[in-house]
Amino acid sequence: MNDLPIYLGLFLTELAAATILPMQSEAVLAGLLLAGYPPLPLLAAASMGNVLGSVINWLLGRGIERFKGRRWFPVSEAGLARAQHWYGRYGKWSLLLSWVPIIGDPLTVVAGALREPLPTFLLLVCVAKIGRYLVLTAVTLQLA
């Protein structure tokens, strides 16, 4: 049996959850863990998808003035204002909250708008997103 569609589906779900679509994707990862799929490939697919989604947000932030206010833009004006406040107060370290629902995605957009260097952005976002999935995996497998 070829599991590639499962991992690709998880990757795409996590990518979408970190960008345009307002959705929570943790249930997909937890469900696949409970179904008995091996944790390491699931962690890799989920993390890569979610980090790539954040990079897309960072890129949108780089061109925010051009896209802000468009209906499809993934961050509301209020969400962007909250994220700018957090980013202004805590700087790049606020990216460690990029996993948090509601404020995480706007933080990644603001990081791009404020020209956070991509290597720093990637390091902090990877720590945050992979850390979240490691905790989710541990909790899910403990409850199984």
Protein backbone atom coordinates (compact mmCIF):
# COMPACT_ATOMS: atom_id res chain seq x y z
CA MET A 1 0.00 0.00 0.00
CA ASN A 2 1.39 3.40 -0.98
CA ASP A 3 1.05 5.97 1.83
CA LEU A 4 2.35 8.91 -0.22
CA PRO A 5 -1.19 10.36 -0.71
CA ILE A 6 -1.66 10.33 3.08
CA TYR A 7 1.54 12.30 3.69
CA LEU A 8 0.87 14.63 0.78
CA GLY A 9 -2.65 15.27 2.08
CA LEU A 10 -1.30 16.07 5.54
CA PHE A 11 1.36 18.36 4.03
CA LEU A 12 -1.25 20.25 1.98
CA THR A 13 -3.64 20.51 4.94
CA GLU A 14 -0.91 21.97 7.13
CA LEU A 15 0.20 24.33 4.38
CA ALA A 16 -3.34 25.60 3.87
CA ALA A 17 -3.87 26.00 7.61
CA ALA A 18 -0.84 28.28 7.81
CA THR A 19 -1.96 30.48 4.92
CA ILE A 20 -5.22 31.53 3.30
CA LEU A 21 -7.76 29.10 4.71
CA PRO A 22 -8.93 29.68 8.29
CA MET A 23 -8.69 26.14 9.62
CA GLN A 24 -7.20 24.06 12.39
CA SER A 25 -5.26 21.11 11.08
CA GLU A 26 -4.08 19.42 14.26
CA ALA A 27 -7.00 16.99 14.16
CA VAL A 28 -5.70 15.56 10.87
CA LEU A 29 -2.31 14.81 12.40
CA ALA A 30 -3.86 13.36 15.56
CA GLY A 31 -6.23 11.19 13.52
CA LEU A 32 -3.41 9.77 11.42
CA LEU A 33 -1.37 9.07 14.55
CA LEU A 34 -4.32 7.27 16.12
CA ALA A 35 -4.79 5.30 12.89
CA GLY A 36 -1.32 3.86 13.41
CA TYR A 37 0.76 5.73 10.85
CA PRO A 38 4.41 6.13 11.91
CA PRO A 39 4.97 9.40 13.78
CA LEU A 40 8.25 10.52 12.18
CA PRO A 41 7.00 10.82 8.57
CA LEU A 42 3.81 12.47 9.84
CA LEU A 43 5.84 14.98 11.87
CA ALA A 44 8.00 15.72 8.84
CA ALA A 45 5.04 16.23 6.49
CA ALA A 46 3.09 18.37 8.97
CA SER A 47 6.09 20.50 9.90
CA MET A 48 7.26 21.08 6.32
CA GLY A 49 3.75 21.99 5.18
CA ASN A 50 3.13 24.38 8.03
CA VAL A 51 6.54 26.04 7.77
CA LEU A 52 6.12 26.46 4.01
CA GLY A 53 2.74 28.08 4.68
CA SER A 54 4.47 30.51 7.03
CA VAL A 55 7.07 31.29 4.37
CA ILE A 56 4.23 32.11 1.97
CA ASN A 57 2.86 34.49 4.62
CA TRP A 58 6.34 36.02 5.00
CA LEU A 59 6.45 36.57 1.23
CA LEU A 60 2.97 38.14 1.33
CA GLY A 61 4.24 40.41 4.07
CA ARG A 62 7.10 41.53 1.84
CA GLY A 63 4.51 42.85 -0.61
CA ILE A 64 1.82 43.71 1.93
CA GLU A 65 1.14 47.22 0.70
CA ARG A 66 0.24 45.80 -2.68
CA PHE A 67 -2.11 43.09 -1.28
CA LYS A 68 -3.51 44.53 1.95
CA GLY A 69 -7.27 44.93 1.91
CA ARG A 70 -7.92 42.36 -0.81
CA ARG A 71 -10.65 39.88 -0.02
CA TRP A 72 -8.42 36.83 -0.39
CA PHE A 73 -5.63 38.26 1.78
CA PRO A 74 -5.16 35.81 4.69
CA VAL A 75 -4.92 38.39 7.47
CA SER A 76 -7.61 40.82 8.60
CA GLU A 77 -6.76 44.42 9.40
CA ALA A 78 -7.40 43.71 13.11
CA GLY A 79 -5.23 40.58 13.05
CA LEU A 80 -2.46 42.48 11.34
CA ALA A 81 -2.65 45.28 13.92
CA ARG A 82 -2.42 42.76 16.80
CA ALA A 83 0.54 41.08 15.17
CA GLN A 84 2.30 44.40 14.56
CA HIS A 85 1.83 45.23 18.24
CA TRP A 86 3.35 41.88 19.33
CA TYR A 87 6.15 42.17 16.81
CA GLY A 88 6.90 45.74 17.80
CA ARG A 89 7.02 44.76 21.45
CA TYR A 90 8.96 41.48 21.26
CA GLY A 91 10.67 41.64 17.86
CA LYS A 92 11.79 38.48 16.14
CA TRP A 93 11.25 36.43 19.32
CA SER A 94 7.50 36.84 18.85
CA LEU A 95 7.88 34.34 15.98
CA LEU A 96 8.12 31.65 18.66
CA LEU A 97 4.36 32.24 18.94
CA SER A 98 3.81 31.57 15.24
CA TRP A 99 2.09 28.28 16.18
CA VAL A 100 -0.62 30.05 18.22
CA PRO A 101 -4.06 30.23 16.58
CA ILE A 102 -5.31 33.69 15.54
CA ILE A 103 -2.03 35.60 16.15
CA GLY A 104 0.51 33.18 14.66
CA ASP A 105 -0.26 33.63 10.98
CA PRO A 106 -0.43 37.44 11.14
CA LEU A 107 2.92 37.43 12.98
CA THR A 108 4.52 35.67 10.04
CA VAL A 109 3.06 38.24 7.63
CA VAL A 110 4.31 41.10 9.79
CA ALA A 111 7.78 39.52 9.93
CA GLY A 112 7.89 39.73 6.15
CA ALA A 113 6.53 43.27 6.09
CA LEU A 114 9.15 44.37 8.61
CA ARG A 115 11.86 42.64 6.57
CA GLU A 116 12.91 40.00 9.09
CA PRO A 117 15.76 38.10 7.38
CA LEU A 118 14.57 34.76 6.02
CA PRO A 119 17.20 32.62 7.82
CA THR A 120 16.23 34.08 11.23
CA PHE A 121 12.55 33.73 10.35
CA LEU A 122 12.97 30.10 9.32
CA LEU A 123 14.90 29.16 12.45
CA LEU A 124 12.35 30.62 14.86
CA VAL A 125 9.29 29.41 12.95
CA CYS A 126 10.75 25.90 12.65
CA VAL A 127 11.38 25.77 16.39
CA ALA A 128 7.81 26.90 17.10
CA LYS A 129 6.00 24.73 14.56
CA ILE A 130 8.03 21.56 15.06
CA GLY A 131 7.77 22.01 18.83
CA ARG A 132 3.99 22.21 18.58
CA TYR A 133 3.80 19.03 16.52
CA LEU A 134 6.15 17.18 18.85
CA VAL A 135 3.92 18.07 21.83
CA LEU A 136 0.76 17.16 19.90
CA THR A 137 2.28 13.84 18.85
CA ALA A 138 3.39 13.00 22.40
CA VAL A 139 -0.01 13.86 23.86
CA THR A 140 -1.89 11.97 21.15
CA LEU A 141 0.21 8.84 21.54
CA GLN A 142 -0.12 8.99 25.34
CA LEU A 143 -3.90 9.07 25.04
CA ALA A 144 -3.99 6.21 22.51
